[in-house]
Every structure is written in C-alpha cells, then in structure tokens.
Amino acid sequence: MKNKKKDIRALTKQQLQDFFVDRGDKSFRGTQVYEWLWQKSAHSFEDMTNISKETREMLKENFVINHIRVDQMQRSSDGTIKNAVKLHDSLTVESVLIPTPKRTTACVSSQVGCSLDCKFCATATLKRMRNLNPDEIYDQVVAIDNESRLYFDKPLSNIVFMGMGEPLMNYNNVMKAIEKITSKDGLGMSPKRITVSTSGVPKMIKKLADDESKVKLAVSLHSAIDEVRTSIMPFNATFSLSDLREALEYWYSKTKSRITYEYIVWEGINDKRKDAEALVKFCKYVPCKVNLIEYNPIDDGVFQQATGEATAMYQNLLEQNGITVTVRRSRGKDIDAACGQLANKSS
C-alpha cells in the first residue's frame, strides 16, 4: 500500500522548524521552506532554489504540496475573469476577479458545493462535497493576485468570500486562510480589505465577533419577513431573523463595524412596499448599508428580476430613512461569473 505523504502546508512555521531540528539541521531551514510555501507560493520543492538538492529530495520523500491549478480561465466582455480551480483530489471550485478602475477584487470560494439551500443560487444545486483547506483558499487569492498584476497592472486590493459555499460553515479553515493572507509571512493584506459574506449563521457571527477578527461582515438577507425569507432560504426556519438580529447586534457591540446587507428584489416575491418597509425596520437595529443587487438567472425561471420601479421604491424608502444604499450592477454575467451563478459551468 502506498504511504500517503502529508501536505507540507498543513504544518505551522514552528512545526517546520522542529522538523528540521529533529533531523539534525538548523531551524532557519524550516523558516526558508515556510517562506517558499507562503510568500513565494512555490508549487514544487524544485522551486526552492536556495535550498540544497539533497534537502529538496528529502522533502519530496516526506511531503507533497497540494497546490491548486487554474484548469480554465474565462474572460468576460466587461473584464471580469472566472477561474475553474482544480483541487488536488480533482474536485473543482470557481473564483472570480472583478476589476474596476480603482481596484481589483477577488471573489473566492470556501466549500466545494454549499452547506445551505438558497433556492435562487446555482451553487446550492451542488451537493456539498467538502470544505476547502486553508491553503486552497489562499491559493485562489494568489492566483487572482497574479492575474490582477498580469492583466490590469496592479496588485489585488480586496477579497470577498462570496464564491461557492457558506464561509461560516467552514469557519476554522476560512480564518486560518485569512490569517495567512494578512500575515507578513503571507500576502500581508489588510483584514479591512476582506469581507466575509454569510447567509446568516448566528452562532458563528458571534464567534467571529468574539475572535476579534478585523474583517468586514456582509449578510445575504433578501427579505426581512420570516415567511418570505424561509420560502427562498429554507435554512431561515432554523436561523430565524430574530436570532440573526441578535447576532448582528452582538457583532456590532463587539466590533463597532458597520454591516452590509446584500439584497435582491424579485418580481412577485419581495417587491412590495411592505417588503421594503420591513427591510427599513431591520436596518435600524444595527448601523448598516444596503447593496441592492441585480439578479442573475440560473435557468429555472422561478426567480425574475423585479422592475426598475420596485428597485427605485426600495432605494427611495431606504434613503428617506437615512440608510446608505447602492444599486450594484452585476459583472461577468456572460461567463456565469456573477453573484449566485457559480456552479462549475465552464463552457
């Protein structure tokens, strides 16, 4: 039976240092390898050119680097790039680079498939196969940073966890990835440029607050009426709006960080004035802003974008009540790269 090698990126810097010391080498060798793995994103031990061939061979005998591979890259007419990312076990996730004149944003995935069951999201039609490891999340960011530099001549500026999966259902690995992304030993990005988007898992929102993470929080809300929200996001029957409200109030009390609500207005579902009034009421519990998002169809025809008049009604009512609101146009729709469309369709 073939002996399964350990993924070297599962080791901490200290564990790598200890590994070399235990073999009679110096601890700084572990530091060198760690830098190659994270700062320089080495894909193989052969890349580690300041380490002796003998040491590289030893590492190859004991470890693997389970690096992702961008299996297919698609470019939208608006400049958006979608990556089909092949994992070491041949499963696939998708990540997206969204360029604007002032910045480039990486939309990254946290699970293969999704733990939740939102009816309007293509990813929810995929069975959740597994959580992504911290290095697989990190690698998506590195790949998009490289594309940002290559195609737009600037480094990646922002990261949103709005790709495939519910990040708070893969909490530990997501937080380990963010720690690497923000560390000087990794990419050195500011946590204030990272947004974790959740469909609303109250217990984990509180944990995120308790862990004093400096990331921003976005909530995929879509209705502030329990019956309506449960009809389109069935898990709301378990994680009700009152529980979500309590968790968000806790989040703000601990972090003093304003929350973003992501909100789609659909025809015949949440396009009435009572729906907008319920959102206004919900927004007054905690300092927040609202992104009204254009709906991106997933081919089932059940959900249809509301009229411009309905969206304007929402916008006006929110603004009249002093709530910051933006209407966000989708990017990358022609390559199924827009919000809610990620479902491993690469053709």
Protein backbone atom coordinates (compact mmCIF):
# COMPACT_ATOMS: atom_id res chain seq x y z
CA MET A 1 0.00 0.00 0.00
CA LYS A 2 1.36 3.38 -0.98
CA ASN A 3 2.31 5.52 2.04
CA LYS A 4 0.31 8.74 1.91
CA LYS A 5 2.52 11.79 2.23
CA LYS A 6 1.45 14.72 4.39
CA ASP A 7 0.65 18.06 2.79
CA ILE A 8 3.54 20.22 3.99
CA ARG A 9 1.36 23.32 4.12
CA ALA A 10 -0.64 21.77 6.96
CA LEU A 11 2.43 22.43 9.16
CA THR A 12 2.93 25.66 11.07
CA LYS A 13 6.22 27.53 10.85
CA GLN A 14 7.17 26.16 14.28
CA GLN A 15 6.39 22.59 13.23
CA LEU A 16 8.55 23.01 10.12
CA GLN A 17 11.41 24.37 12.23
CA ASP A 18 11.04 21.46 14.66
CA PHE A 19 11.04 19.00 11.76
CA PHE A 20 14.45 20.20 10.60
CA VAL A 21 15.89 20.38 14.12
CA ASP A 22 14.75 16.79 14.77
CA ARG A 23 16.73 15.77 11.67
CA GLY A 24 19.88 17.48 12.96
CA ASP A 25 19.50 20.56 10.75
CA LYS A 26 19.11 24.23 11.70
CA SER A 27 15.67 25.71 12.50
CA PHE A 28 16.15 28.50 9.93
CA ARG A 29 15.83 25.85 7.22
CA GLY A 30 12.20 25.45 8.26
CA THR A 31 11.77 29.22 8.01
CA GLN A 32 13.19 29.18 4.48
CA VAL A 33 10.80 26.43 3.39
CA TYR A 34 7.87 28.24 5.02
CA GLU A 35 8.67 31.41 3.06
CA TRP A 36 8.79 29.44 -0.17
CA LEU A 37 5.43 27.86 0.58
CA TRP A 38 3.57 31.02 1.52
CA GLN A 39 5.31 34.26 0.50
CA LYS A 40 6.57 32.83 -2.79
CA SER A 41 3.76 30.28 -3.36
CA ALA A 42 6.11 27.55 -4.54
CA HIS A 43 4.29 24.85 -6.50
CA SER A 44 7.04 22.25 -6.06
CA PHE A 45 10.10 21.60 -3.95
CA GLU A 46 12.23 22.08 -7.08
CA ASP A 47 11.29 25.78 -7.00
CA MET A 48 13.14 26.25 -3.68
CA THR A 49 16.38 27.26 -5.29
CA ASN A 50 18.26 28.43 -2.17
CA ILE A 51 17.85 25.01 -0.56
CA SER A 52 20.22 22.16 -1.36
CA LYS A 53 19.16 19.45 -3.79
CA GLU A 54 19.62 16.85 -1.07
CA THR A 55 17.20 18.70 1.23
CA ARG A 56 14.69 19.16 -1.59
CA GLU A 57 14.79 15.42 -2.30
CA MET A 58 14.25 14.70 1.40
CA LEU A 59 11.22 16.99 1.44
CA LYS A 60 9.85 15.31 -1.67
CA GLU A 61 10.16 11.90 0.01
CA ASN A 62 8.22 13.07 3.07
CA PHE A 63 5.71 15.65 1.85
CA VAL A 64 3.56 16.88 -1.00
CA ILE A 65 2.39 20.38 -1.92
CA ASN A 66 -1.29 20.03 -2.78
CA HIS A 67 -1.39 23.14 -4.90
CA ILE A 68 -4.47 24.20 -6.84
CA ARG A 69 -4.41 24.51 -10.62
CA VAL A 70 -6.39 27.01 -12.67
CA ASP A 71 -7.91 24.47 -15.03
CA GLN A 72 -9.75 27.00 -17.18
CA MET A 73 -9.85 30.78 -17.26
CA GLN A 74 -12.69 32.71 -18.91
CA ARG A 75 -12.73 36.46 -19.58
CA SER A 76 -15.97 38.41 -19.70
CA SER A 77 -16.66 41.26 -22.09
CA ASP A 78 -16.57 43.58 -19.03
CA GLY A 79 -13.09 42.39 -17.99
CA THR A 80 -14.21 40.01 -15.26
CA ILE A 81 -12.18 36.80 -15.07
CA LYS A 82 -13.55 33.45 -13.86
CA ASN A 83 -11.24 30.63 -12.84
CA ALA A 84 -12.24 26.98 -12.76
CA VAL A 85 -9.90 25.79 -10.00
CA LYS A 86 -8.92 22.12 -9.93
CA LEU A 87 -8.10 20.80 -6.46
CA HIS A 88 -5.63 18.03 -5.63
CA ASP A 89 -8.47 15.44 -5.44
CA SER A 90 -9.82 16.53 -8.87
CA LEU A 91 -12.81 18.39 -7.42
CA THR A 92 -13.46 21.86 -8.85
CA VAL A 93 -14.44 25.23 -7.42
CA GLU A 94 -14.67 28.64 -9.03
CA SER A 95 -13.21 32.01 -8.16
CA VAL A 96 -13.63 35.39 -9.83
CA LEU A 97 -11.53 38.51 -10.42
CA ILE A 98 -13.65 41.65 -10.62
CA PRO A 99 -11.80 44.70 -11.98
CA THR A 100 -12.83 48.34 -11.61
CA PRO A 101 -10.81 51.45 -12.47
CA LYS A 102 -9.73 51.92 -8.84
CA ARG A 103 -9.36 48.35 -7.57
CA THR A 104 -9.45 44.64 -8.27
CA THR A 105 -11.46 42.28 -6.08
CA ALA A 106 -11.11 38.52 -5.64
CA CYS A 107 -14.33 36.59 -5.05
CA VAL A 108 -13.21 33.29 -3.52
CA SER A 109 -14.88 30.01 -2.63
CA SER A 110 -14.81 28.31 0.76
CA GLN A 111 -16.56 24.99 0.07
CA VAL A 112 -16.96 22.53 -2.79
CA GLY A 113 -20.69 22.98 -3.27
CA CYS A 114 -22.59 24.57 -0.37
CA SER A 115 -23.94 23.60 3.05
CA LEU A 116 -27.08 25.70 2.62
CA ASP A 117 -30.11 25.59 0.33
CA CYS A 118 -30.88 29.04 -1.07
CA LYS A 119 -33.30 28.44 -3.94
CA PHE A 120 -32.04 31.31 -6.10
CA CYS A 121 -28.36 30.31 -6.08
CA ALA A 122 -26.79 27.95 -8.60
CA THR A 123 -24.15 26.78 -6.11
CA ALA A 124 -26.91 25.50 -3.80
CA THR A 125 -27.85 22.97 -6.50
CA LEU A 126 -24.48 21.31 -5.99
CA LYS A 127 -24.06 18.80 -3.20
CA ARG A 128 -21.55 19.95 -0.58
CA MET A 129 -18.60 17.66 -1.19
CA ARG A 130 -16.18 19.07 1.37
CA ASN A 131 -14.72 22.16 2.97
CA LEU A 132 -11.73 23.82 1.34
CA ASN A 133 -8.47 23.70 3.26
CA PRO A 134 -6.78 26.98 4.26
CA ASP A 135 -4.11 26.57 1.56
CA GLU A 136 -6.74 26.01 -1.14
CA ILE A 137 -8.46 29.25 -0.18
CA TYR A 138 -5.11 31.04 -0.04
CA ASP A 139 -4.11 29.69 -3.46
CA GLN A 140 -7.25 31.14 -5.07
CA VAL A 141 -6.21 34.58 -3.80
CA VAL A 142 -2.63 34.16 -5.04
CA ALA A 143 -3.84 33.09 -8.50
CA ILE A 144 -6.14 36.11 -8.75
CA ASP A 145 -3.44 38.46 -7.48
CA ASN A 146 -1.16 37.16 -10.25
CA GLU A 147 -3.92 37.71 -12.84
CA SER A 148 -4.59 41.21 -11.49
CA ARG A 149 -0.92 42.11 -11.94
CA LEU A 150 -0.72 40.48 -15.38
CA TYR A 151 -3.94 41.80 -16.93
CA PHE A 152 -4.57 45.03 -15.01
CA ASP A 153 -1.06 46.02 -13.94
CA LYS A 154 -1.94 46.33 -10.26
CA PRO A 155 -1.96 44.07 -7.22
CA LEU A 156 -5.16 42.64 -5.83
CA SER A 157 -6.77 45.18 -3.50
CA ASN A 158 -9.83 43.45 -2.00
CA ILE A 159 -11.15 39.98 -1.18
CA VAL A 160 -14.76 38.89 -0.71
CA PHE A 161 -15.83 35.47 0.50
CA MET A 162 -18.82 35.42 -1.83
CA GLY A 163 -17.91 32.47 -4.02
CA MET A 164 -19.08 28.88 -3.64
CA GLY A 165 -20.03 27.77 -0.14
CA GLU A 166 -21.03 29.29 3.19
CA PRO A 167 -17.77 30.57 4.76
CA LEU A 168 -19.08 30.45 8.32
CA MET A 169 -19.80 26.73 7.86
CA ASN A 170 -16.07 26.29 7.21
CA TYR A 171 -15.08 28.73 9.91
CA ASN A 172 -11.75 27.37 11.13
CA ASN A 173 -10.25 26.92 7.67
CA VAL A 174 -11.51 30.29 6.44
CA MET A 175 -9.99 32.04 9.46
CA LYS A 176 -6.68 30.20 9.03
CA ALA A 177 -6.61 31.29 5.38
CA ILE A 178 -7.34 34.90 6.36
CA GLU A 179 -4.57 34.73 8.93
CA LYS A 180 -2.14 33.66 6.19
CA ILE A 181 -3.45 36.25 3.72
CA THR A 182 -2.99 39.07 6.25
CA SER A 183 0.27 37.86 7.78
CA LYS A 184 3.62 39.40 6.85
CA ASP A 185 4.69 35.79 6.28
CA GLY A 186 1.96 35.51 3.65
CA LEU A 187 0.44 38.21 1.43
CA GLY A 188 0.42 40.99 4.03
CA MET A 189 -3.03 42.27 3.04
CA SER A 190 -5.07 44.36 5.46
CA PRO A 191 -8.01 42.49 7.06
CA LYS A 192 -10.07 45.64 6.47
CA ARG A 193 -9.92 44.80 2.76
CA ILE A 194 -11.52 41.40 3.34
CA THR A 195 -15.29 40.86 3.53
CA VAL A 196 -16.82 37.62 4.80
CA SER A 197 -20.31 37.20 3.35
CA THR A 198 -22.72 34.89 5.14
CA SER A 199 -26.29 33.84 4.61
CA GLY A 200 -26.68 34.29 8.35
CA VAL A 201 -25.39 31.72 10.86
CA PRO A 202 -26.00 33.46 14.21
CA LYS A 203 -23.72 31.32 16.38
CA MET A 204 -20.78 31.76 14.00
CA ILE A 205 -21.35 35.50 13.58
CA LYS A 206 -20.97 35.79 17.35
CA LYS A 207 -17.81 33.68 17.24
CA LEU A 208 -16.39 35.91 14.52
CA ALA A 209 -17.00 38.87 16.83
CA ASP A 210 -15.50 37.09 19.86
CA ASP A 211 -12.39 36.21 17.88
CA GLU A 212 -11.85 39.93 17.26
CA SER A 213 -11.37 39.49 13.56
CA LYS A 214 -10.91 42.80 11.75
CA VAL A 215 -12.68 41.64 8.58
CA LYS A 216 -15.88 43.23 7.33
CA LEU A 217 -19.19 41.38 7.52
CA ALA A 218 -21.83 41.12 4.80
CA VAL A 219 -25.15 39.31 5.16
CA SER A 220 -27.12 37.84 2.26
CA LEU A 221 -30.53 38.98 3.54
CA HIS A 222 -33.08 39.25 0.67
CA SER A 223 -36.08 39.56 2.97
CA ALA A 224 -36.74 40.93 6.46
CA ILE A 225 -40.01 38.96 6.72
CA ASP A 226 -39.51 35.46 8.16
CA GLU A 227 -42.08 33.66 5.98
CA VAL A 228 -40.72 35.19 2.79
CA ARG A 229 -37.10 34.57 3.72
CA THR A 230 -37.82 30.95 4.65
CA SER A 231 -39.54 30.39 1.30
CA ILE A 232 -36.41 31.39 -0.61
CA MET A 233 -33.76 30.47 2.00
CA PRO A 234 -35.19 27.42 3.81
CA PHE A 235 -32.48 27.33 6.50
CA ASN A 236 -34.09 30.53 7.84
CA ALA A 237 -36.56 28.19 9.58
CA THR A 238 -33.62 27.20 11.79
CA PHE A 239 -31.70 30.50 11.82
CA SER A 240 -34.59 32.97 12.13
CA LEU A 241 -34.41 36.70 11.59
CA SER A 242 -34.75 37.34 15.35
CA ASP A 243 -31.71 35.13 16.00
CA LEU A 244 -29.86 36.83 13.16
CA ARG A 245 -30.75 40.25 14.54
CA GLU A 246 -29.44 39.31 17.99
CA ALA A 247 -26.16 38.03 16.49
CA LEU A 248 -25.70 41.18 14.40
CA GLU A 249 -26.35 43.41 17.41
CA TYR A 250 -23.72 41.38 19.27
CA TRP A 251 -21.32 41.73 16.32
CA TYR A 252 -21.68 45.50 16.27
CA SER A 253 -21.36 45.82 20.05
CA LYS A 254 -18.04 43.95 19.90
CA THR A 255 -16.57 45.33 16.66
CA LYS A 256 -18.23 48.70 16.01
CA SER A 257 -18.07 47.66 12.35
CA ARG A 258 -20.98 48.53 10.06
CA ILE A 259 -22.70 45.59 8.38
CA THR A 260 -23.53 45.32 4.68
CA TYR A 261 -26.82 43.70 3.66
CA GLU A 262 -26.87 42.10 0.22
CA TYR A 263 -30.42 42.22 -1.12
CA ILE A 264 -32.05 41.12 -4.37
CA VAL A 265 -35.56 42.30 -5.28
CA TRP A 266 -37.55 39.66 -7.18
CA GLU A 267 -40.83 40.08 -9.00
CA GLY A 268 -43.77 38.69 -7.03
CA ILE A 269 -41.57 37.62 -4.08
CA ASN A 270 -40.31 40.68 -2.22
CA ASP A 271 -41.17 43.62 -4.49
CA LYS A 272 -43.99 45.18 -2.45
CA ARG A 273 -43.81 48.23 -0.21
CA LYS A 274 -44.35 46.07 2.89
CA ASP A 275 -41.15 44.20 1.98
CA ALA A 276 -39.18 47.43 1.73
CA GLU A 277 -40.67 48.72 4.97
CA ALA A 278 -39.64 45.51 6.76
CA LEU A 279 -36.08 45.97 5.45
CA VAL A 280 -36.01 49.57 6.69
CA LYS A 281 -37.09 48.39 10.14
CA PHE A 282 -34.44 45.64 10.17
CA CYS A 283 -31.76 48.12 9.10
CA LYS A 284 -32.46 50.31 12.12
CA TYR A 285 -31.32 47.66 14.61
CA VAL A 286 -27.63 47.94 13.71
CA PRO A 287 -25.60 50.52 11.70
CA CYS A 288 -25.51 49.18 8.17
CA LYS A 289 -25.61 49.83 4.46
CA VAL A 290 -27.61 48.02 1.78
CA ASN A 291 -26.43 46.74 -1.59
CA LEU A 292 -29.38 46.22 -3.93
CA ILE A 293 -28.07 43.54 -6.28
CA GLU A 294 -29.13 42.76 -9.81
CA TYR A 295 -30.43 39.20 -10.05
CA ASN A 296 -28.53 36.74 -12.19
CA PRO A 297 -30.79 33.96 -13.55
CA ILE A 298 -29.86 30.31 -13.02
CA ASP A 299 -32.14 28.93 -15.76
CA ASP A 300 -35.10 27.73 -13.68
CA GLY A 301 -37.32 30.73 -14.43
CA VAL A 302 -38.88 30.80 -10.93
CA PHE A 303 -36.98 33.93 -9.90
CA GLN A 304 -37.26 37.02 -12.06
CA GLN A 305 -35.61 40.40 -11.55
CA ALA A 306 -38.14 42.94 -10.22
CA THR A 307 -38.98 46.03 -12.24
CA GLY A 308 -36.87 49.15 -12.08
CA GLU A 309 -39.77 50.83 -10.31
CA ALA A 310 -39.64 48.27 -7.47
CA THR A 311 -35.90 48.72 -7.05
CA ALA A 312 -36.32 52.51 -7.09
CA MET A 313 -39.05 52.20 -4.43
CA TYR A 314 -36.61 50.33 -2.19
CA GLN A 315 -33.85 52.82 -2.85
CA ASN A 316 -36.03 55.84 -2.12
CA LEU A 317 -37.51 54.39 1.06
CA LEU A 318 -34.08 53.45 2.40
CA GLU A 319 -32.61 56.86 1.60
CA GLN A 320 -35.59 58.64 3.16
CA ASN A 321 -34.81 56.78 6.38
CA GLY A 322 -31.12 57.74 6.33
CA ILE A 323 -29.85 54.31 5.28
CA THR A 324 -26.94 54.18 2.83
CA VAL A 325 -27.91 52.21 -0.25
CA THR A 326 -26.20 51.39 -3.54
CA VAL A 327 -27.61 49.64 -6.59
CA ARG A 328 -24.97 47.18 -7.75
CA ARG A 329 -24.82 46.03 -11.34
CA SER A 330 -23.59 42.51 -11.91
CA ARG A 331 -20.28 41.74 -13.55
CA GLY A 332 -19.32 38.69 -15.58
CA LYS A 333 -22.86 37.52 -16.40
CA ASP A 334 -21.86 36.36 -19.89
CA ILE A 335 -19.49 33.76 -18.39
CA ASP A 336 -21.73 32.76 -15.44
CA ALA A 337 -19.39 34.54 -13.06
CA ALA A 338 -21.89 36.88 -11.39
CA CYS A 339 -23.35 36.55 -7.89
CA GLY A 340 -25.30 33.32 -7.49
CA GLN A 341 -24.15 31.83 -10.79
CA LEU A 342 -21.10 29.82 -9.71
CA ALA A 343 -21.92 26.19 -10.42
CA ASN A 344 -18.81 24.83 -12.20
CA LYS A 345 -20.16 25.67 -15.64
CA SER A 346 -17.10 26.45 -17.73
CA SER A 347 -18.43 26.23 -21.23
